[in-house]
Amino acid sequence: MNVKLKRLTILSPRDLEDPVLETLLEMQPALPGFTTLAVSGHGESFEGARAQEQVRGRIDRSMVWLVLPEEDVERTLTQLSRSMPHPDIIWWVEPVDAMGKLA
């Protein structure tokens, strides 16, 4: 059985991190594990940035990485968009060529 894997990346404002994680953790059937990171966004647009972020020149974001079978990506995005449609939550999908454990 050859399962095509994809990495789904989700970026959200840090104050939306908990609701995003709760939505992912409550999904049925359950998703495999995922990784969260605190990251900074850089670029030209600072719409909606707090004063501190404007001074620093970067916007605080939460990033979630999920490696999923291809068919689970759409289900995950559909559930997130139903649970919390928000214009500051962005996502993208990348292919995963290989994945495994070293031992």
PDB file of N, CA and C in Angstrom:
ATOM      1  N   MET A   1       0.851  -1.190   0.000  1.00  0.00           N
ATOM      2  CA  MET A   1       0.000   0.000   0.000  1.00  0.00           C
ATOM      3  C   MET A   1       0.886   1.240   0.000  1.00  0.00           C
ATOM      4  N   ASN A   2       0.706   2.079  -1.004  1.00  0.00           N
ATOM      5  CA  ASN A   2       1.523   3.273  -1.153  1.00  0.00           C
ATOM      6  C   ASN A   2       0.674   4.503  -0.841  1.00  0.00           C
ATOM      7  N   VAL A   3       0.814   5.049   0.358  1.00  0.00           N
ATOM      8  CA  VAL A   3       0.034   6.203   0.797  1.00  0.00           C
ATOM      9  C   VAL A   3       0.800   7.468   0.438  1.00  0.00           C
ATOM     10  N   LYS A   4       0.136   8.386  -0.267  1.00  0.00           N
ATOM     11  CA  LYS A   4       0.753   9.673  -0.572  1.00  0.00           C
ATOM     12  C   LYS A   4       0.614  10.570   0.651  1.00  0.00           C
ATOM     13  N   LEU A   5       1.752  11.069   1.132  1.00  0.00           N
ATOM     14  CA  LEU A   5       1.741  11.947   2.299  1.00  0.00           C
ATOM     15  C   LEU A   5       1.911  13.394   1.870  1.00  0.00           C
ATOM     16  N   LYS A   6       1.277  14.275   2.622  1.00  0.00           N
ATOM     17  CA  LYS A   6       1.381  15.719   2.420  1.00  0.00           C
ATOM     18  C   LYS A   6       1.687  16.380   3.756  1.00  0.00           C
ATOM     19  N   ARG A   7       2.419  17.483   3.700  1.00  0.00           N
ATOM     20  CA  ARG A   7       2.609  18.286   4.914  1.00  0.00           C
ATOM     21  C   ARG A   7       1.705  19.503   4.797  1.00  0.00           C
ATOM     22  N   LEU A   8       0.791  19.617   5.746  1.00  0.00           N
ATOM     23  CA  LEU A   8      -0.102  20.758   5.844  1.00  0.00           C
ATOM     24  C   LEU A   8       0.494  21.719   6.866  1.00  0.00           C
ATOM     25  N   THR A   9       0.718  22.957   6.438  1.00  0.00           N
ATOM     26  CA  THR A   9       1.231  24.001   7.327  1.00  0.00           C
ATOM     27  C   THR A   9       0.106  25.003   7.554  1.00  0.00           C
ATOM     28  N   ILE A  10      -0.128  25.335   8.819  1.00  0.00           N
ATOM     29  CA  ILE A  10      -1.174  26.297   9.192  1.00  0.00           C
ATOM     30  C   ILE A  10      -0.522  27.394  10.020  1.00  0.00           C
ATOM     31  N   LEU A  11      -0.716  28.643   9.610  1.00  0.00           N
ATOM     32  CA  LEU A  11      -0.229  29.804  10.361  1.00  0.00           C
ATOM     33  C   LEU A  11      -1.416  30.577  10.905  1.00  0.00           C
ATOM     34  N   SER A  12      -1.318  30.971  12.175  1.00  0.00           N
ATOM     35  CA  SER A  12      -2.402  31.750  12.773  1.00  0.00           C
ATOM     36  C   SER A  12      -1.815  32.751  13.756  1.00  0.00           C
ATOM     37  N   PRO A  13      -2.570  33.799  14.056  1.00  0.00           N
ATOM     38  CA  PRO A  13      -2.159  34.688  15.140  1.00  0.00           C
ATOM     39  C   PRO A  13      -2.028  33.867  16.429  1.00  0.00           C
ATOM     40  N   ARG A  14      -1.112  34.253  17.289  1.00  0.00           N
ATOM     41  CA  ARG A  14      -0.867  33.465  18.511  1.00  0.00           C
ATOM     42  C   ARG A  14      -2.091  33.381  19.402  1.00  0.00           C
ATOM     43  N   ASP A  15      -2.950  34.394  19.384  1.00  0.00           N
ATOM     44  CA  ASP A  15      -4.141  34.330  20.244  1.00  0.00           C
ATOM     45  C   ASP A  15      -5.180  33.331  19.728  1.00  0.00           C
ATOM     46  N   LEU A  16      -4.980  32.804  18.515  1.00  0.00           N
ATOM     47  CA  LEU A  16      -5.869  31.773  17.980  1.00  0.00           C
ATOM     48  C   LEU A  16      -5.251  30.377  18.054  1.00  0.00           C
ATOM     49  N   GLU A  17      -4.052  30.277  18.615  1.00  0.00           N
ATOM     50  CA  GLU A  17      -3.367  28.989  18.663  1.00  0.00           C
ATOM     51  C   GLU A  17      -4.185  27.925  19.402  1.00  0.00           C
ATOM     52  N   ASP A  18      -4.673  28.231  20.583  1.00  0.00           N
ATOM     53  CA  ASP A  18      -5.425  27.231  21.356  1.00  0.00           C
ATOM     54  C   ASP A  18      -6.685  26.764  20.631  1.00  0.00           C
ATOM     55  N   PRO A  19      -7.511  27.666  20.086  1.00  0.00           N
ATOM     56  CA  PRO A  19      -8.683  27.173  19.352  1.00  0.00           C
ATOM     57  C   PRO A  19      -8.317  26.315  18.134  1.00  0.00           C
ATOM     58  N   VAL A  20      -7.243  26.664  17.431  1.00  0.00           N
ATOM     59  CA  VAL A  20      -6.814  25.845  16.293  1.00  0.00           C
ATOM     60  C   VAL A  20      -6.419  24.454  16.784  1.00  0.00           C
ATOM     61  N   LEU A  21      -5.613  24.390  17.846  1.00  0.00           N
ATOM     62  CA  LEU A  21      -5.170  23.102  18.372  1.00  0.00           C
ATOM     63  C   LEU A  21      -6.339  22.281  18.898  1.00  0.00           C
ATOM     64  N   GLU A  22      -7.267  22.918  19.579  1.00  0.00           N
ATOM     65  CA  GLU A  22      -8.449  22.197  20.081  1.00  0.00           C
ATOM     66  C   GLU A  22      -9.236  21.579  18.926  1.00  0.00           C
ATOM     67  N   THR A  23      -9.419  22.328  17.855  1.00  0.00           N
ATOM     68  CA  THR A  23     -10.134  21.806  16.691  1.00  0.00           C
ATOM     69  C   THR A  23      -9.412  20.595  16.117  1.00  0.00           C
ATOM     70  N   LEU A  24      -8.088  20.692  15.981  1.00  0.00           N
ATOM     71  CA  LEU A  24      -7.317  19.569  15.436  1.00  0.00           C
ATOM     72  C   LEU A  24      -7.372  18.355  16.360  1.00  0.00           C
ATOM     73  N   LEU A  25      -7.272  18.579  17.664  1.00  0.00           N
ATOM     74  CA  LEU A  25      -7.258  17.463  18.617  1.00  0.00           C
ATOM     75  C   LEU A  25      -8.623  16.785  18.744  1.00  0.00           C
ATOM     76  N   GLU A  26      -9.699  17.503  18.447  1.00  0.00           N
ATOM     77  CA  GLU A  26     -11.047  16.948  18.573  1.00  0.00           C
ATOM     78  C   GLU A  26     -11.535  16.263  17.298  1.00  0.00           C
ATOM     79  N   MET A  27     -10.759  16.301  16.229  1.00  0.00           N
ATOM     80  CA  MET A  27     -11.223  15.724  14.972  1.00  0.00           C
ATOM     81  C   MET A  27     -11.387  14.217  15.075  1.00  0.00           C
ATOM     82  N   GLN A  28     -12.440  13.709  14.423  1.00  0.00           N
ATOM     83  CA  GLN A  28     -12.705  12.273  14.354  1.00  0.00           C
ATOM     84  C   GLN A  28     -12.920  11.874  12.903  1.00  0.00           C
ATOM     85  N   PRO A  29     -12.257  10.852  12.421  1.00  0.00           N
ATOM     86  CA  PRO A  29     -11.235  10.095  13.118  1.00  0.00           C
ATOM     87  C   PRO A  29     -10.048  10.982  13.457  1.00  0.00           C
ATOM     88  N   ALA A  30      -9.357  10.593  14.514  1.00  0.00           N
ATOM     89  CA  ALA A  30      -8.261  11.399  15.045  1.00  0.00           C
ATOM     90  C   ALA A  30      -7.135  11.557  14.029  1.00  0.00           C
ATOM     91  N   LEU A  31      -6.506  12.709  14.078  1.00  0.00           N
ATOM     92  CA  LEU A  31      -5.337  12.967  13.240  1.00  0.00           C
ATOM     93  C   LEU A  31      -4.092  12.366  13.896  1.00  0.00           C
ATOM     94  N   PRO A  32      -3.058  12.085  13.096  1.00  0.00           N
ATOM     95  CA  PRO A  32      -1.796  11.691  13.701  1.00  0.00           C
ATOM     96  C   PRO A  32      -1.214  12.902  14.440  1.00  0.00           C
ATOM     97  N   GLY A  33      -0.128  12.737  15.111  1.00  0.00           N
ATOM     98  CA  GLY A  33       0.492  13.846  15.840  1.00  0.00           C
ATOM     99  C   GLY A  33       0.873  14.990  14.928  1.00  0.00           C
ATOM    100  N   PHE A  34       1.146  16.114  15.536  1.00  0.00           N
ATOM    101  CA  PHE A  34       1.576  17.284  14.774  1.00  0.00           C
ATOM    102  C   PHE A  34       2.548  18.092  15.613  1.00  0.00           C
ATOM    103  N   THR A  35       3.184  19.053  14.970  1.00  0.00           N
ATOM    104  CA  THR A  35       4.207  19.882  15.601  1.00  0.00           C
ATOM    105  C   THR A  35       3.739  21.332  15.616  1.00  0.00           C
ATOM    106  N   THR A  36       3.974  22.029  16.733  1.00  0.00           N
ATOM    107  CA  THR A  36       3.652  23.452  16.812  1.00  0.00           C
ATOM    108  C   THR A  36       4.924  24.237  17.080  1.00  0.00           C
ATOM    109  N   LEU A  37       4.963  25.427  16.516  1.00  0.00           N
ATOM    110  CA  LEU A  37       6.112  26.309  16.702  1.00  0.00           C
ATOM    111  C   LEU A  37       5.631  27.742  16.860  1.00  0.00           C
ATOM    112  N   ALA A  38       6.367  28.524  17.631  1.00  0.00           N
ATOM    113  CA  ALA A  38       6.153  29.969  17.691  1.00  0.00           C
ATOM    114  C   ALA A  38       7.089  30.575  16.649  1.00  0.00           C
ATOM    115  N   VAL A  39       6.520  31.338  15.711  1.00  0.00           N
ATOM    116  CA  VAL A  39       7.306  31.900  14.620  1.00  0.00           C
ATOM    117  C   VAL A  39       7.022  33.390  14.485  1.00  0.00           C
ATOM    118  N   SER A  40       7.824  34.060  13.664  1.00  0.00           N
ATOM    119  CA  SER A  40       7.634  35.475  13.365  1.00  0.00           C
ATOM    120  C   SER A  40       7.424  35.646  11.878  1.00  0.00           C
ATOM    121  N   GLY A  41       6.423  36.429  11.509  1.00  0.00           N
ATOM    122  CA  GLY A  41       6.161  36.733  10.108  1.00  0.00           C
ATOM    123  C   GLY A  41       6.844  38.030   9.723  1.00  0.00           C
ATOM    124  N   HIS A  42       7.437  38.035   8.556  1.00  0.00           N
ATOM    125  CA  HIS A  42       8.142  39.214   8.041  1.00  0.00           C
ATOM    126  C   HIS A  42       7.578  39.551   6.670  1.00  0.00           C
ATOM    127  N   GLY A  43       7.571  40.808   6.322  1.00  0.00           N
ATOM    128  CA  GLY A  43       7.090  41.191   4.997  1.00  0.00           C
ATOM    129  C   GLY A  43       6.694  42.651   4.959  1.00  0.00           C
ATOM    130  N   GLU A  44       6.022  43.005   3.897  1.00  0.00           N
ATOM    131  CA  GLU A  44       5.657  44.398   3.678  1.00  0.00           C
ATOM    132  C   GLU A  44       4.383  44.807   4.396  1.00  0.00           C
ATOM    133  N   SER A  45       3.438  43.888   4.543  1.00  0.00           N
ATOM    134  CA  SER A  45       2.136  44.235   5.096  1.00  0.00           C
ATOM    135  C   SER A  45       2.103  43.992   6.605  1.00  0.00           C
ATOM    136  N   PHE A  46       1.718  45.017   7.341  1.00  0.00           N
ATOM    137  CA  PHE A  46       1.578  44.879   8.781  1.00  0.00           C
ATOM    138  C   PHE A  46       0.155  45.229   9.208  1.00  0.00           C
ATOM    139  N   GLU A  47      -0.804  44.950   8.328  1.00  0.00           N
ATOM    140  CA  GLU A  47      -2.201  45.187   8.673  1.00  0.00           C
ATOM    141  C   GLU A  47      -2.565  44.354   9.894  1.00  0.00           C
ATOM    142  N   GLY A  48      -3.173  44.974  10.870  1.00  0.00           N
ATOM    143  CA  GLY A  48      -3.601  44.255  12.058  1.00  0.00           C
ATOM    144  C   GLY A  48      -2.501  43.985  13.062  1.00  0.00           C
ATOM    145  N   ALA A  49      -1.277  44.425  12.769  1.00  0.00           N
ATOM    146  CA  ALA A  49      -0.167  44.192  13.696  1.00  0.00           C
ATOM    147  C   ALA A  49      -0.315  45.089  14.919  1.00  0.00           C
ATOM    148  N   ARG A  50       0.058  44.517  16.075  1.00  0.00           N
ATOM    149  CA  ARG A  50       0.070  45.315  17.303  1.00  0.00           C
ATOM    150  C   ARG A  50       1.222  46.315  17.230  1.00  0.00           C
ATOM    151  N   ALA A  51       1.161  47.344  18.065  1.00  0.00           N
ATOM    152  CA  ALA A  51       2.191  48.387  18.058  1.00  0.00           C
ATOM    153  C   ALA A  51       3.580  47.785  18.284  1.00  0.00           C
ATOM    154  N   GLN A  52       3.695  46.867  19.231  1.00  0.00           N
ATOM    155  CA  GLN A  52       4.982  46.222  19.515  1.00  0.00           C
ATOM    156  C   GLN A  52       5.514  45.485  18.277  1.00  0.00           C
ATOM    157  N   GLU A  53       4.624  44.814  17.549  1.00  0.00           N
ATOM    158  CA  GLU A  53       5.037  44.098  16.345  1.00  0.00           C
ATOM    159  C   GLU A  53       5.491  45.068  15.259  1.00  0.00           C
ATOM    160  N   GLN A  54       4.807  46.194  15.142  1.00  0.00           N
ATOM    161  CA  GLN A  54       5.207  47.196  14.153  1.00  0.00           C
ATOM    162  C   GLN A  54       6.593  47.745  14.465  1.00  0.00           C
ATOM    163  N   VAL A  55       6.878  47.987  15.732  1.00  0.00           N
ATOM    164  CA  VAL A  55       8.194  48.502  16.133  1.00  0.00           C
ATOM    165  C   VAL A  55       9.279  47.462  15.844  1.00  0.00           C
ATOM    166  N   ARG A  56       9.021  46.210  16.182  1.00  0.00           N
ATOM    167  CA  ARG A  56      10.001  45.138  15.959  1.00  0.00           C
ATOM    168  C   ARG A  56      10.147  44.780  14.488  1.00  0.00           C
ATOM    169  N   GLY A  57       9.114  45.044  13.689  1.00  0.00           N
ATOM    170  CA  GLY A  57       9.162  44.721  12.273  1.00  0.00           C
ATOM    171  C   GLY A  57       8.842  43.271  11.956  1.00  0.00           C
ATOM    172  N   ARG A  58       8.152  42.594  12.854  1.00  0.00           N
ATOM    173  CA  ARG A  58       7.727  41.208  12.621  1.00  0.00           C
ATOM    174  C   ARG A  58       6.458  40.936  13.428  1.00  0.00           C
ATOM    175  N   ILE A  59       5.667  39.990  12.901  1.00  0.00           N
ATOM    176  CA  ILE A  59       4.375  39.668  13.495  1.00  0.00           C
ATOM    177  C   ILE A  59       4.450  38.284  14.122  1.00  0.00           C
ATOM    178  N   ASP A  60       3.983  38.158  15.355  1.00  0.00           N
ATOM    179  CA  ASP A  60       3.985  36.874  16.059  1.00  0.00           C
ATOM    180  C   ASP A  60       2.917  35.954  15.475  1.00  0.00           C
ATOM    181  N   ARG A  61       3.315  34.725  15.199  1.00  0.00           N
ATOM    182  CA  ARG A  61       2.392  33.735  14.659  1.00  0.00           C
ATOM    183  C   ARG A  61       2.642  32.384  15.310  1.00  0.00           C
ATOM    184  N   SER A  62       1.644  31.534  15.243  1.00  0.00           N
ATOM    185  CA  SER A  62       1.752  30.140  15.643  1.00  0.00           C
ATOM    186  C   SER A  62       1.734  29.308  14.361  1.00  0.00           C
ATOM    187  N   MET A  63       2.617  28.320  14.270  1.00  0.00           N
ATOM    188  CA  MET A  63       2.662  27.462  13.092  1.00  0.00           C
ATOM    189  C   MET A  63       2.438  26.021  13.520  1.00  0.00           C
ATOM    190  N   VAL A  64       1.603  25.329  12.762  1.00  0.00           N
ATOM    191  CA  VAL A  64       1.322  23.915  13.006  1.00  0.00           C
ATOM    192  C   VAL A  64       1.733  23.156  11.750  1.00  0.00           C
ATOM    193  N   TRP A  65       2.510  22.078  11.939  1.00  0.00           N
ATOM    194  CA  TRP A  65       2.878  21.178  10.849  1.00  0.00           C
ATOM    195  C   TRP A  65       2.197  19.845  11.070  1.00  0.00           C
ATOM    196  N   LEU A  66       1.490  19.364  10.069  1.00  0.00           N
ATOM    197  CA  LEU A  66       0.873  18.042  10.114  1.00  0.00           C
ATOM    198  C   LEU A  66       1.330  17.261   8.888  1.00  0.00           C
ATOM    199  N   VAL A  67       1.781  16.028   9.065  1.00  0.00           N
ATOM    200  CA  VAL A  67       2.053  15.140   7.948  1.00  0.00           C
ATOM    201  C   VAL A  67       0.897  14.158   7.906  1.00  0.00           C
ATOM    202  N   LEU A  68       0.163  14.206   6.789  1.00  0.00           N
ATOM    203  CA  LEU A  68      -1.096  13.478   6.680  1.00  0.00           C
ATOM    204  C   LEU A  68      -1.172  12.705   5.374  1.00  0.00           C
ATOM    205  N   PRO A  69      -1.949  11.628   5.371  1.00  0.00           N
ATOM    206  CA  PRO A  69      -2.299  11.043   4.076  1.00  0.00           C
ATOM    207  C   PRO A  69      -3.042  12.102   3.252  1.00  0.00           C
ATOM    208  N   GLU A  70      -2.806  12.103   1.969  1.00  0.00           N
ATOM    209  CA  GLU A  70      -3.372  13.116   1.075  1.00  0.00           C
ATOM    210  C   GLU A  70      -4.878  13.317   1.280  1.00  0.00           C
ATOM    211  N   GLU A  71      -5.607  12.226   1.489  1.00  0.00           N
ATOM    212  CA  GLU A  71      -7.072  12.344   1.616  1.00  0.00           C
ATOM    213  C   GLU A  71      -7.512  13.017   2.920  1.00  0.00           C
ATOM    214  N   ASP A  72      -6.651  13.117   3.908  1.00  0.00           N
ATOM    215  CA  ASP A  72      -7.006  13.763   5.173  1.00  0.00           C
ATOM    216  C   ASP A  72      -6.795  15.276   5.159  1.00  0.00           C
ATOM    217  N   VAL A  73      -6.072  15.784   4.175  1.00  0.00           N
ATOM    218  CA  VAL A  73      -5.795  17.221   4.123  1.00  0.00           C
ATOM    219  C   VAL A  73      -7.087  18.007   3.942  1.00  0.00           C
ATOM    220  N   GLU A  74      -7.897  17.631   2.973  1.00  0.00           N
ATOM    221  CA  GLU A  74      -9.146  18.352   2.701  1.00  0.00           C
ATOM    222  C   GLU A  74     -10.098  18.276   3.897  1.00  0.00           C
ATOM    223  N   ARG A  75     -10.188  17.114   4.523  1.00  0.00           N
ATOM    224  CA  ARG A  75     -11.046  16.945   5.711  1.00  0.00           C
ATOM    225  C   ARG A  75     -10.599  17.888   6.824  1.00  0.00           C
ATOM    226  N   THR A  76      -9.306  18.002   7.015  1.00  0.00           N
ATOM    227  CA  THR A  76      -8.761  18.874   8.062  1.00  0.00           C
ATOM    228  C   THR A  76      -9.056  20.335   7.763  1.00  0.00           C
ATOM    229  N   LEU A  77      -8.828  20.759   6.535  1.00  0.00           N
ATOM    230  CA  LEU A  77      -9.088  22.152   6.162  1.00  0.00           C
ATOM    231  C   LEU A  77     -10.577  22.485   6.238  1.00  0.00           C
ATOM    232  N   THR A  78     -11.425  21.551   5.847  1.00  0.00           N
ATOM    233  CA  THR A  78     -12.872  21.770   5.922  1.00  0.00           C
ATOM    234  C   THR A  78     -13.306  21.964   7.370  1.00  0.00           C
ATOM    235  N   GLN A  79     -12.807  21.118   8.269  1.00  0.00           N
ATOM    236  CA  GLN A  79     -13.182  21.232   9.682  1.00  0.00           C
ATOM    237  C   GLN A  79     -12.691  22.550  10.281  1.00  0.00           C
ATOM    238  N   LEU A  80     -11.464  22.924   9.965  1.00  0.00           N
ATOM    239  CA  LEU A  80     -10.945  24.199  10.484  1.00  0.00           C
ATOM    240  C   LEU A  80     -11.750  25.379   9.953  1.00  0.00           C
ATOM    241  N   SER A  81     -12.078  25.362   8.672  1.00  0.00           N
ATOM    242  CA  SER A  81     -12.815  26.501   8.114  1.00  0.00           C
ATOM    243  C   SER A  81     -14.236  26.578   8.673  1.00  0.00           C
ATOM    244  N   ARG A  82     -14.827  25.446   9.014  1.00  0.00           N
ATOM    245  CA  ARG A  82     -16.158  25.453   9.647  1.00  0.00           C
ATOM    246  C   ARG A  82     -16.078  25.939  11.086  1.00  0.00           C
ATOM    247  N   SER A  83     -15.057  25.476  11.807  1.00  0.00           N
ATOM    248  CA  SER A  83     -14.928  25.794  13.235  1.00  0.00           C
ATOM    249  C   SER A  83     -14.485  27.221  13.482  1.00  0.00           C
ATOM    250  N   MET A  84     -13.600  27.702  12.648  1.00  0.00           N
ATOM    251  CA  MET A  84     -13.047  29.032  12.900  1.00  0.00           C
ATOM    252  C   MET A  84     -12.621  29.732  11.612  1.00  0.00           C
ATOM    253  N   PRO A  85     -13.581  30.144  10.807  1.00  0.00           N
ATOM    254  CA  PRO A  85     -13.223  30.889   9.597  1.00  0.00           C
ATOM    255  C   PRO A  85     -12.615  32.235  10.005  1.00  0.00           C
ATOM    256  N   HIS A  86     -11.381  32.461   9.662  1.00  0.00           N
ATOM    257  CA  HIS A  86     -10.689  33.684  10.073  1.00  0.00           C
ATOM    258  C   HIS A  86      -9.716  34.069   8.969  1.00  0.00           C
ATOM    259  N   PRO A  87      -9.744  35.313   8.521  1.00  0.00           N
ATOM    260  CA  PRO A  87      -8.881  35.718   7.409  1.00  0.00           C
ATOM    261  C   PRO A  87      -7.381  35.711   7.740  1.00  0.00           C
ATOM    262  N   ASP A  88      -7.024  35.686   9.016  1.00  0.00           N
ATOM    263  CA  ASP A  88      -5.598  35.680   9.389  1.00  0.00           C
ATOM    264  C   ASP A  88      -5.048  34.276   9.593  1.00  0.00           C
ATOM    265  N   ILE A  89      -5.850  33.246   9.345  1.00  0.00           N
ATOM    266  CA  ILE A  89      -5.354  31.865   9.384  1.00  0.00           C
ATOM    267  C   ILE A  89      -5.081  31.468   7.937  1.00  0.00           C
ATOM    268  N   ILE A  90      -3.816  31.182   7.649  1.00  0.00           N
ATOM    269  CA  ILE A  90      -3.450  30.789   6.286  1.00  0.00           C
ATOM    270  C   ILE A  90      -2.839  29.392   6.313  1.00  0.00           C
ATOM    271  N   TRP A  91      -2.836  28.746   5.172  1.00  0.00           N
ATOM    272  CA  TRP A  91      -2.349  27.376   5.099  1.00  0.00           C
ATOM    273  C   TRP A  91      -1.726  27.121   3.731  1.00  0.00           C
ATOM    274  N   TRP A  92      -0.905  26.082   3.663  1.00  0.00           N
ATOM    275  CA  TRP A  92      -0.409  25.577   2.383  1.00  0.00           C
ATOM    276  C   TRP A  92      -0.061  24.108   2.537  1.00  0.00           C
ATOM    277  N   VAL A  93       0.042  23.421   1.406  1.00  0.00           N
ATOM    278  CA  VAL A  93       0.288  21.984   1.374  1.00  0.00           C
ATOM    279  C   VAL A  93       1.530  21.718   0.527  1.00  0.00           C
ATOM    280  N   GLU A  94       2.381  20.819   1.027  1.00  0.00           N
ATOM    281  CA  GLU A  94       3.592  20.418   0.313  1.00  0.00           C
ATOM    282  C   GLU A  94       3.673  18.898   0.265  1.00  0.00           C
ATOM    283  N   PRO A  95       4.287  18.356  -0.784  1.00  0.00           N
ATOM    284  CA  PRO A  95       4.464  16.904  -0.838  1.00  0.00           C
ATOM    285  C   PRO A  95       5.516  16.439   0.166  1.00  0.00           C
ATOM    286  N   VAL A  96       5.338  15.233   0.673  1.00  0.00           N
ATOM    287  CA  VAL A  96       6.336  14.587   1.530  1.00  0.00           C
ATOM    288  C   VAL A  96       6.858  13.395   0.732  1.00  0.00           C
ATOM    289  N   ASP A  97       8.105  13.482   0.305  1.00  0.00           N
ATOM    290  CA  ASP A  97       8.683  12.421  -0.532  1.00  0.00           C
ATOM    291  C   ASP A  97       9.009  11.165   0.252  1.00  0.00           C
ATOM    292  N   ALA A  98       9.394  11.330   1.500  1.00  0.00           N
ATOM    293  CA  ALA A  98       9.738  10.173   2.325  1.00  0.00           C
ATOM    294  C   ALA A  98       9.610  10.559   3.787  1.00  0.00           C
ATOM    295  N   MET A  99       9.362   9.529   4.622  1.00  0.00           N
ATOM    296  CA  MET A  99       9.250   9.755   6.054  1.00  0.00           C
ATOM    297  C   MET A  99       9.517   8.417   6.749  1.00  0.00           C
ATOM    298  N   GLY A 100      10.197   8.472   7.870  1.00  0.00           N
ATOM    299  CA  GLY A 100      10.462   7.246   8.587  1.00  0.00           C
ATOM    300  C   GLY A 100      11.151   7.507   9.909  1.00  0.00           C
ATOM    301  N   LYS A 101      11.584   6.433  10.559  1.00  0.00           N
ATOM    302  CA  LYS A 101      12.309   6.516  11.826  1.00  0.00           C
ATOM    303  C   LYS A 101      13.727   6.010  11.587  1.00  0.00           C
ATOM    304  N   LEU A 102      14.662   6.524  12.342  1.00  0.00           N
ATOM    305  CA  LEU A 102      16.057   6.134  12.157  1.00  0.00           C
ATOM    306  C   LEU A 102      16.398   4.819  12.831  1.00  0.00           C
ATOM    307  N   ALA A 103      15.547   4.361  13.728  1.00  0.00           N
ATOM    308  CA  ALA A 103      15.841   3.078  14.399  1.00  0.00           C
ATOM    309  C   ALA A 103      14.642   2.178  14.322  1.00  0.00           C
TER     310      ALA A 103
END
